[in-house]
C-alpha atoms as a PDB file:
ATOM      1  CA  MET A   1      85.788  38.653  68.632  1.00  0.00           C
ATOM      2  CA  ASN A   2      87.088  41.028  66.033  1.00  0.00           C
ATOM      3  CA  PHE A   3      85.264  43.506  63.874  1.00  0.00           C
ATOM      4  CA  ASP A   4      85.060  41.195  60.872  1.00  0.00           C
ATOM      5  CA  THR A   5      83.294  38.546  62.951  1.00  0.00           C
ATOM      6  CA  LEU A   6      80.744  41.055  64.233  1.00  0.00           C
ATOM      7  CA  THR A   7      80.169  42.244  60.712  1.00  0.00           C
ATOM      8  CA  GLY A   8      79.413  38.697  59.586  1.00  0.00           C
ATOM      9  CA  ILE A   9      77.065  37.956  62.482  1.00  0.00           C
ATOM     10  CA  ALA A  10      75.128  41.255  62.278  1.00  0.00           C
ATOM     11  CA  PRO A  11      72.872  40.206  59.368  1.00  0.00           C
ATOM     12  CA  ILE A  12      72.000  37.000  61.182  1.00  0.00           C
ATOM     13  CA  LEU A  13      71.154  38.913  64.347  1.00  0.00           C
ATOM     14  CA  ILE A  14      68.986  41.308  62.402  1.00  0.00           C
ATOM     15  CA  VAL A  15      67.103  38.415  60.808  1.00  0.00           C
ATOM     16  CA  LEU A  16      66.606  36.758  64.186  1.00  0.00           C
ATOM     17  CA  ILE A  17      65.297  39.953  65.752  1.00  0.00           C
ATOM     18  CA  ALA A  18      62.922  40.450  62.831  1.00  0.00           C
ATOM     19  CA  LEU A  19      61.628  36.871  63.168  1.00  0.00           C
ATOM     20  CA  ILE A  20      61.101  37.270  66.900  1.00  0.00           C
ATOM     21  CA  ALA A  21      59.282  40.555  66.384  1.00  0.00           C
ATOM     22  CA  ALA A  22      57.086  38.935  63.746  1.00  0.00           C
ATOM     23  CA  SER A  23      56.272  35.974  65.982  1.00  0.00           C
ATOM     24  CA  ILE A  24      55.174  38.005  69.004  1.00  0.00           C
ATOM     25  CA  LYS A  25      51.654  39.471  68.987  1.00  0.00           C
ATOM     26  CA  ILE A  26      49.787  41.239  71.771  1.00  0.00           C
ATOM     27  CA  LEU A  27      45.999  41.117  71.868  1.00  0.00           C
ATOM     28  CA  ARG A  28      43.857  43.454  73.954  1.00  0.00           C
ATOM     29  CA  GLU A  29      41.188  42.220  76.342  1.00  0.00           C
ATOM     30  CA  TYR A  30      38.414  42.675  73.771  1.00  0.00           C
ATOM     31  CA  GLU A  31      40.377  41.036  70.927  1.00  0.00           C
ATOM     32  CA  ARG A  32      40.810  37.430  69.851  1.00  0.00           C
ATOM     33  CA  GLY A  33      43.181  35.966  67.294  1.00  0.00           C
ATOM     34  CA  VAL A  34      42.126  33.274  64.825  1.00  0.00           C
ATOM     35  CA  VAL A  35      45.344  31.370  64.079  1.00  0.00           C
ATOM     36  CA  PHE A  36      45.948  29.448  60.837  1.00  0.00           C
ATOM     37  CA  THR A  37      48.835  26.982  60.455  1.00  0.00           C
ATOM     38  CA  LEU A  38      49.810  26.381  56.827  1.00  0.00           C
ATOM     39  CA  GLY A  39      46.412  27.723  55.826  1.00  0.00           C
ATOM     40  CA  ARG A  40      44.414  25.441  58.102  1.00  0.00           C
ATOM     41  CA  PHE A  41      42.537  26.636  61.179  1.00  0.00           C
ATOM     42  CA  SER A  42      44.573  25.972  64.299  1.00  0.00           C
ATOM     43  CA  SER A  43      43.035  27.742  67.289  1.00  0.00           C
ATOM     44  CA  VAL A  44      41.546  30.923  68.736  1.00  0.00           C
ATOM     45  CA  LYS A  45      43.933  32.705  71.069  1.00  0.00           C
ATOM     46  CA  GLY A  46      44.009  35.749  73.294  1.00  0.00           C
ATOM     47  CA  PRO A  47      43.989  38.074  74.994  1.00  0.00           C
ATOM     48  CA  GLY A  48      47.571  38.760  76.051  1.00  0.00           C
ATOM     49  CA  LEU A  49      50.891  37.648  74.554  1.00  0.00           C
ATOM     50  CA  ILE A  50      50.661  35.366  71.512  1.00  0.00           C
ATOM     51  CA  ILE A  51      53.675  33.644  69.921  1.00  0.00           C
ATOM     52  CA  LEU A  52      53.398  32.528  66.305  1.00  0.00           C
ATOM     53  CA  ILE A  53      55.725  30.476  64.124  1.00  0.00           C
ATOM     54  CA  PRO A  54      56.956  32.905  61.454  1.00  0.00           C
ATOM     55  CA  GLY A  55      56.175  31.786  57.939  1.00  0.00           C
ATOM     56  CA  LEU A  56      53.974  28.913  59.096  1.00  0.00           C
ATOM     57  CA  GLN A  57      51.266  30.616  61.101  1.00  0.00           C
ATOM     58  CA  GLN A  58      49.103  33.658  60.418  1.00  0.00           C
ATOM     59  CA  MET A  59      46.647  35.357  62.728  1.00  0.00           C
ATOM     60  CA  VAL A  60      43.478  37.373  62.032  1.00  0.00           C
ATOM     61  CA  ARG A  61      42.329  39.775  64.745  1.00  0.00           C
ATOM     62  CA  VAL A  62      38.648  39.825  65.715  1.00  0.00           C
ATOM     63  CA  ASP A  63      37.025  42.548  67.816  1.00  0.00           C
ATOM     64  CA  LEU A  64      34.473  41.217  70.324  1.00  0.00           C
ATOM     65  CA  ARG A  65      32.974  44.593  71.266  1.00  0.00           C
ATOM     66  CA  VAL A  66      29.414  45.561  70.341  1.00  0.00           C
ATOM     67  CA  VAL A  67      29.259  47.095  66.883  1.00  0.00           C
ATOM     68  CA  THR A  68      26.761  49.901  66.229  1.00  0.00           C
ATOM     69  CA  MET A  69      25.778  49.793  62.565  1.00  0.00           C
ATOM     70  CA  ASP A  70      23.586  52.431  60.965  1.00  0.00           C
ATOM     71  CA  VAL A  71      21.212  50.998  58.357  1.00  0.00           C
ATOM     72  CA  PRO A  72      20.783  53.523  55.520  1.00  0.00           C
ATOM     73  CA  SER A  73      17.330  54.817  54.640  1.00  0.00           C
ATOM     74  CA  GLN A  74      15.344  52.132  52.825  1.00  0.00           C
ATOM     75  CA  ASP A  75      12.395  52.607  50.458  1.00  0.00           C
ATOM     76  CA  VAL A  76       9.576  50.463  51.824  1.00  0.00           C
ATOM     77  CA  ILE A  77       6.068  49.926  50.439  1.00  0.00           C
ATOM     78  CA  SER A  78       3.721  49.019  53.257  1.00  0.00           C
ATOM     79  CA  ARG A  79       0.947  46.453  53.012  1.00  0.00           C
ATOM     80  CA  ASP A  80      -1.586  49.240  52.399  1.00  0.00           C
ATOM     81  CA  ASN A  81       0.537  50.528  49.465  1.00  0.00           C
ATOM     82  CA  VAL A  82       2.089  53.552  51.168  1.00  0.00           C
ATOM     83  CA  SER A  83       5.661  54.435  50.185  1.00  0.00           C
ATOM     84  CA  VAL A  84       7.878  55.402  53.136  1.00  0.00           C
ATOM     85  CA  LYS A  85      11.569  55.745  53.892  1.00  0.00           C
ATOM     86  CA  VAL A  86      12.802  53.918  56.980  1.00  0.00           C
ATOM     87  CA  ASN A  87      16.231  53.814  58.606  1.00  0.00           C
ATOM     88  CA  ALA A  88      17.396  51.914  61.651  1.00  0.00           C
ATOM     89  CA  VAL A  89      20.395  51.031  63.800  1.00  0.00           C
ATOM     90  CA  VAL A  90      21.623  47.496  64.564  1.00  0.00           C
ATOM     91  CA  TYR A  91      23.657  46.457  67.622  1.00  0.00           C
ATOM     92  CA  PHE A  92      25.586  43.197  67.300  1.00  0.00           C
ATOM     93  CA  ARG A  93      28.837  41.535  68.346  1.00  0.00           C
ATOM     94  CA  VAL A  94      30.979  38.523  67.488  1.00  0.00           C
ATOM     95  CA  VAL A  95      30.487  35.575  69.834  1.00  0.00           C
ATOM     96  CA  ASP A  96      32.375  32.948  67.796  1.00  0.00           C
ATOM     97  CA  PRO A  97      35.540  34.361  66.174  1.00  0.00           C
ATOM     98  CA  GLN A  98      36.183  31.124  64.269  1.00  0.00           C
ATOM     99  CA  LYS A  99      32.842  31.259  62.427  1.00  0.00           C
ATOM    100  CA  ALA A 100      33.072  35.025  61.882  1.00  0.00           C
ATOM    101  CA  ILE A 101      36.339  34.584  59.951  1.00  0.00           C
ATOM    102  CA  ILE A 102      35.857  31.207  58.272  1.00  0.00           C
ATOM    103  CA  GLN A 103      32.139  31.126  57.419  1.00  0.00           C
ATOM    104  CA  VAL A 104      31.814  34.595  55.871  1.00  0.00           C
ATOM    105  CA  GLU A 105      34.244  36.782  53.936  1.00  0.00           C
ATOM    106  CA  ASN A 106      33.377  40.066  55.665  1.00  0.00           C
ATOM    107  CA  TYR A 107      30.959  39.713  58.553  1.00  0.00           C
ATOM    108  CA  LEU A 108      30.486  43.486  58.910  1.00  0.00           C
ATOM    109  CA  MET A 109      29.381  43.965  55.306  1.00  0.00           C
ATOM    110  CA  ALA A 110      27.320  40.779  55.323  1.00  0.00           C
ATOM    111  CA  THR A 111      25.456  41.779  58.471  1.00  0.00           C
ATOM    112  CA  GLY A 112      24.802  45.263  57.102  1.00  0.00           C
ATOM    113  CA  GLN A 113      23.399  43.991  53.800  1.00  0.00           C
ATOM    114  CA  LEU A 114      21.266  41.408  55.573  1.00  0.00           C
ATOM    115  CA  ALA A 115      19.909  44.088  57.923  1.00  0.00           C
ATOM    116  CA  GLN A 116      18.801  46.209  54.951  1.00  0.00           C
ATOM    117  CA  THR A 117      16.962  43.394  53.182  1.00  0.00           C
ATOM    118  CA  THR A 118      15.383  42.122  56.411  1.00  0.00           C
ATOM    119  CA  LEU A 119      14.164  45.614  57.320  1.00  0.00           C
ATOM    120  CA  ARG A 120      12.451  46.005  53.951  1.00  0.00           C
ATOM    121  CA  ALA A 121      10.948  42.512  54.068  1.00  0.00           C
ATOM    122  CA  VAL A 122       9.540  42.793  57.590  1.00  0.00           C
ATOM    123  CA  LEU A 123       8.118  46.314  57.289  1.00  0.00           C
ATOM    124  CA  GLY A 124       6.578  45.517  53.912  1.00  0.00           C
ATOM    125  CA  LYS A 125       4.274  43.030  55.650  1.00  0.00           C
ATOM    126  CA  HIS A 126       2.741  45.690  57.902  1.00  0.00           C
ATOM    127  CA  GLU A 127       0.503  48.699  57.379  1.00  0.00           C
ATOM    128  CA  LEU A 128       1.595  52.289  57.922  1.00  0.00           C
ATOM    129  CA  ASP A 129      -0.320  52.610  61.195  1.00  0.00           C
ATOM    130  CA  GLU A 130       1.567  49.622  62.609  1.00  0.00           C
ATOM    131  CA  MET A 131       4.910  51.148  61.599  1.00  0.00           C
ATOM    132  CA  LEU A 132       4.043  54.312  63.493  1.00  0.00           C
ATOM    133  CA  THR A 133       2.466  52.821  66.612  1.00  0.00           C
ATOM    134  CA  GLU A 134       4.015  49.366  67.063  1.00  0.00           C
ATOM    135  CA  ARG A 135       7.727  49.984  66.663  1.00  0.00           C
ATOM    136  CA  ASP A 136       8.672  47.813  69.623  1.00  0.00           C
ATOM    137  CA  ARG A 137       7.071  44.755  68.057  1.00  0.00           C
ATOM    138  CA  LEU A 138       8.620  45.486  64.651  1.00  0.00           C
ATOM    139  CA  ASN A 139      12.048  45.969  66.254  1.00  0.00           C
ATOM    140  CA  MET A 140      11.686  42.590  67.933  1.00  0.00           C
ATOM    141  CA  ASP A 141      10.644  40.889  64.680  1.00  0.00           C
ATOM    142  CA  VAL A 142      13.625  42.262  62.759  1.00  0.00           C
ATOM    143  CA  GLN A 143      16.016  41.396  65.615  1.00  0.00           C
ATOM    144  CA  LYS A 144      14.821  37.771  65.792  1.00  0.00           C
ATOM    145  CA  ILE A 145      15.182  37.235  62.040  1.00  0.00           C
ATOM    146  CA  LEU A 146      18.651  38.805  61.925  1.00  0.00           C
ATOM    147  CA  ASP A 147      19.826  36.869  64.965  1.00  0.00           C
ATOM    148  CA  ALA A 148      18.659  33.556  63.489  1.00  0.00           C
ATOM    149  CA  GLN A 149      20.304  34.175  60.104  1.00  0.00           C
ATOM    150  CA  THR A 150      23.625  35.463  61.476  1.00  0.00           C
ATOM    151  CA  ASP A 151      24.000  32.654  64.011  1.00  0.00           C
ATOM    152  CA  ALA A 152      25.908  30.602  61.416  1.00  0.00           C
ATOM    153  CA  TRP A 153      28.419  33.461  61.153  1.00  0.00           C
ATOM    154  CA  GLY A 154      29.090  33.577  64.890  1.00  0.00           C
ATOM    155  CA  ILE A 155      27.212  36.894  65.210  1.00  0.00           C
ATOM    156  CA  LYS A 156      24.780  37.787  67.999  1.00  0.00           C
ATOM    157  CA  VAL A 157      22.320  40.575  67.134  1.00  0.00           C
ATOM    158  CA  ALA A 158      21.453  42.180  70.456  1.00  0.00           C
ATOM    159  CA  ASN A 159      19.009  44.879  69.373  1.00  0.00           C
ATOM    160  CA  VAL A 160      17.447  46.632  66.381  1.00  0.00           C
ATOM    161  CA  GLU A 161      15.925  50.107  66.638  1.00  0.00           C
ATOM    162  CA  ILE A 162      13.889  51.806  63.909  1.00  0.00           C
ATOM    163  CA  LYS A 163      14.886  55.463  64.066  1.00  0.00           C
ATOM    164  CA  HIS A 164      12.789  57.360  61.510  1.00  0.00           C
ATOM    165  CA  VAL A 165       9.780  56.667  59.319  1.00  0.00           C
ATOM    166  CA  ASP A 166       9.675  59.437  56.720  1.00  0.00           C
ATOM    167  CA  ILE A 167       6.298  59.922  55.035  1.00  0.00           C
ATOM    168  CA  ASP A 168       5.403  61.970  51.969  1.00  0.00           C
ATOM    169  CA  GLU A 169       3.887  65.408  52.621  1.00  0.00           C
ATOM    170  CA  SER A 170       0.574  64.490  50.967  1.00  0.00           C
ATOM    171  CA  MET A 171       0.319  61.397  53.144  1.00  0.00           C
ATOM    172  CA  ILE A 172       0.954  63.514  56.265  1.00  0.00           C
ATOM    173  CA  ARG A 173      -2.005  65.725  55.333  1.00  0.00           C
ATOM    174  CA  ALA A 174      -4.151  62.650  54.730  1.00  0.00           C
ATOM    175  CA  ILE A 175      -3.217  61.256  58.145  1.00  0.00           C
ATOM    176  CA  ALA A 176      -4.070  64.607  59.750  1.00  0.00           C
ATOM    177  CA  ARG A 177      -7.506  64.574  58.104  1.00  0.00           C
ATOM    178  CA  GLN A 178      -8.028  61.000  59.249  1.00  0.00           C
ATOM    179  CA  ALA A 179      -7.085  61.900  62.818  1.00  0.00           C
ATOM    180  CA  GLU A 180      -9.468  64.888  62.742  1.00  0.00           C
ATOM    181  CA  ALA A 181     -12.302  62.710  61.467  1.00  0.00           C
ATOM    182  CA  GLU A 182     -11.570  60.164  64.177  1.00  0.00           C
ATOM    183  CA  ARG A 183     -11.748  62.867  66.863  1.00  0.00           C
ATOM    184  CA  GLU A 184     -15.074  64.091  65.477  1.00  0.00           C
ATOM    185  CA  ARG A 185     -16.423  60.548  65.462  1.00  0.00           C
ATOM    186  CA  ARG A 186     -15.407  60.061  69.084  1.00  0.00           C
ATOM    187  CA  ALA A 187     -17.019  63.384  70.058  1.00  0.00           C
ATOM    188  CA  LYS A 188     -20.300  62.360  68.421  1.00  0.00           C
ATOM    189  CA  VAL A 189     -20.213  58.954  70.091  1.00  0.00           C
ATOM    190  CA  ILE A 190     -19.553  60.543  73.488  1.00  0.00           C
ATOM    191  CA  HIS A 191     -22.364  63.068  72.944  1.00  0.00           C
ATOM    192  CA  ALA A 192     -24.790  60.306  71.927  1.00  0.00           C
ATOM    193  CA  GLU A 193     -23.778  58.220  74.926  1.00  0.00           C
ATOM    194  CA  GLY A 194     -24.396  61.227  77.188  1.00  0.00           C
ATOM    195  CA  GLU A 195     -27.869  61.768  75.666  1.00  0.00           C
ATOM    196  CA  LYS A 196     -28.644  58.103  76.204  1.00  0.00           C
ATOM    197  CA  GLN A 197     -27.606  58.218  79.848  1.00  0.00           C
ATOM    198  CA  ALA A 198     -29.561  61.440  80.367  1.00  0.00           C
ATOM    199  CA  ALA A 199     -32.680  59.865  78.819  1.00  0.00           C
ATOM    200  CA  VAL A 200     -32.354  56.831  81.094  1.00  0.00           C
ATOM    201  CA  GLY A 201     -32.001  59.129  84.106  1.00  0.00           C
ATOM    202  CA  LEU A 202     -35.058  61.182  83.117  1.00  0.00           C
ATOM    203  CA  MET A 203     -37.080  58.039  82.580  1.00  0.00           C
ATOM    204  CA  GLU A 204     -36.180  56.716  86.020  1.00  0.00           C
ATOM    205  CA  ALA A 205     -36.967  60.111  87.587  1.00  0.00           C
ATOM    206  CA  ALA A 206     -40.364  60.203  85.836  1.00  0.00           C
ATOM    207  CA  GLN A 207     -41.178  56.716  87.102  1.00  0.00           C
ATOM    208  CA  MET A 208     -40.261  57.697  90.662  1.00  0.00           C
ATOM    209  CA  LEU A 209     -42.372  60.870  90.505  1.00  0.00           C
ATOM    210  CA  GLY A 210     -45.280  58.977  88.957  1.00  0.00           C
ATOM    211  CA  ARG A 211     -45.470  56.578  91.891  1.00  0.00           C
ATOM    212  CA  GLU A 212     -46.128  59.461  94.348  1.00  0.00           C
ATOM    213  CA  PRO A 213     -48.742  62.059  93.239  1.00  0.00           C
ATOM    214  CA  GLY A 214     -47.556  64.572  95.807  1.00  0.00           C
ATOM    215  CA  ALA A 215     -43.957  64.361  94.620  1.00  0.00           C
ATOM    216  CA  MET A 216     -44.819  66.029  91.307  1.00  0.00           C
ATOM    217  CA  GLN A 217     -46.527  68.907  93.126  1.00  0.00           C
ATOM    218  CA  LEU A 218     -43.457  69.367  95.345  1.00  0.00           C
ATOM    219  CA  ARG A 219     -41.268  69.393  92.252  1.00  0.00           C
ATOM    220  CA  TYR A 220     -43.453  72.109  90.699  1.00  0.00           C
ATOM    221  CA  LEU A 221     -43.207  74.230  93.833  1.00  0.00           C
ATOM    222  CA  GLN A 222     -39.411  73.848  93.892  1.00  0.00           C
ATOM    223  CA  THR A 223     -39.215  74.876  90.250  1.00  0.00           C
ATOM    224  CA  LEU A 224     -41.458  77.889  90.953  1.00  0.00           C
ATOM    225  CA  THR A 225     -39.146  78.933  93.800  1.00  0.00           C
ATOM    226  CA  GLN A 226     -36.134  78.767  91.507  1.00  0.00           C
ATOM    227  CA  VAL A 227     -37.901  80.785  88.798  1.00  0.00           C
ATOM    228  CA  ALA A 228     -39.074  83.396  91.318  1.00  0.00           C
ATOM    229  CA  ASN A 229     -35.482  84.160  92.249  1.00  0.00           C
ATOM    230  CA  ASP A 230     -34.832  85.273  88.678  1.00  0.00           C
ATOM    231  CA  ARG A 231     -35.184  89.040  88.051  1.00  0.00           C
ATOM    232  CA  SER A 232     -37.042  88.495  84.810  1.00  0.00           C
ATOM    233  CA  ASN A 233     -40.570  89.940  84.600  1.00  0.00           C
ATOM    234  CA  THR A 234     -41.829  86.998  82.596  1.00  0.00           C
ATOM    235  CA  ILE A 235     -42.380  83.681  84.325  1.00  0.00           C
ATOM    236  CA  VAL A 236     -43.116  80.599  82.284  1.00  0.00           C
ATOM    237  CA  PHE A 237     -44.460  77.800  84.442  1.00  0.00           C
ATOM    238  CA  PRO A 238     -45.259  74.357  83.035  1.00  0.00           C
ATOM    239  CA  MET A 239     -48.712  72.951  83.610  1.00  0.00           C
ATOM    240  CA  PRO A 240     -49.201  69.240  84.201  1.00  0.00           C
ATOM    241  CA  GLY A 241     -50.549  67.461  81.160  1.00  0.00           C
ATOM    242  CA  ASP A 242     -53.152  65.483  83.111  1.00  0.00           C
ATOM    243  CA  LEU A 243     -54.484  68.707  84.719  1.00  0.00           C
ATOM    244  CA  ILE A 244     -54.914  70.382  81.342  1.00  0.00           C
ATOM    245  CA  GLU A 245     -56.579  67.269  79.945  1.00  0.00           C
ATOM    246  CA  GLY A 246     -58.946  67.131  82.947  1.00  0.00           C
ATOM    247  CA  LEU A 247     -59.904  70.795  82.563  1.00  0.00           C
ATOM    248  CA  ALA A 248     -60.572  70.297  78.875  1.00  0.00           C
ATOM    249  CA  LYS A 249     -62.926  67.388  79.590  1.00  0.00           C
ATOM    250  CA  THR A 250     -64.759  69.404  82.280  1.00  0.00           C
ATOM    251  CA  LEU A 251     -65.244  72.407  79.998  1.00  0.00           C
ATOM    252  CA  LYS A 252     -66.439  70.175  77.211  1.00  0.00           C
ATOM    253  CA  ARG A 253     -68.970  68.471  79.510  1.00  0.00           C
ATOM    254  CA  ASP A 254     -70.276  71.771  80.957  1.00  0.00           C
ATOM    255  CA  ALA A 255     -70.509  73.529  77.607  1.00  0.00           C
ATOM    256  CA  PRO A 256     -74.194  74.159  76.536  1.00  0.00           C
ATOM    257  CA  THR A 257     -75.374  72.024  73.722  1.00  0.00           C
ATOM    258  CA  SER A 258     -77.047  73.830  70.853  1.00  0.00           C
END
């Protein structure tokens, strides 16, 4: 084979090598290839070595790993008419590469836009207190709605987490005043409950002492002993009401009549 023959075959060899290089694709373990033949869906292939027919088949790569998407801060008006800013993060992955490519133009953008609108719609149905205290339930509600709506796109929404609920400064002060008032209310209720229990205890003690006349006298002597231990020069000792009443009747009966 002379030089002229090699020169004539070289372009053909170059074309063949280029076609072979274009027909061979390598997909990683977490990748799948959606193959189209003459524009029509053919199959989903991968991972590993994939051979395509140049000019007749095209392949679109799809990543099956979990995607972490940050949902930008959204202006939400709660059910009790409080304006807040809420942002979240969505975790999802492709479970059906065929649907993810054929049913939606850009599944990443579509999922992100849907997450924003769903977040506003769900949180707008709840009051501010629920947003602050029941995040787990709200996360679950948003996740279920997103998962149901993206199922037709071959997307599985694994989790949704609300990160921040930003409140206006005036509303923060109002919440602080509300919390302070709530603490005061609880303190008053606890104090009243204590007074009620103390009154019940005193009533029961009075009934027990009233059943035994000598018990009251013993109680007086015990009180006198406790007072005597005090270094004060003044001793105030209670007198039984019935004794005072009896003395008053006796003095009134013995008093000379004019």
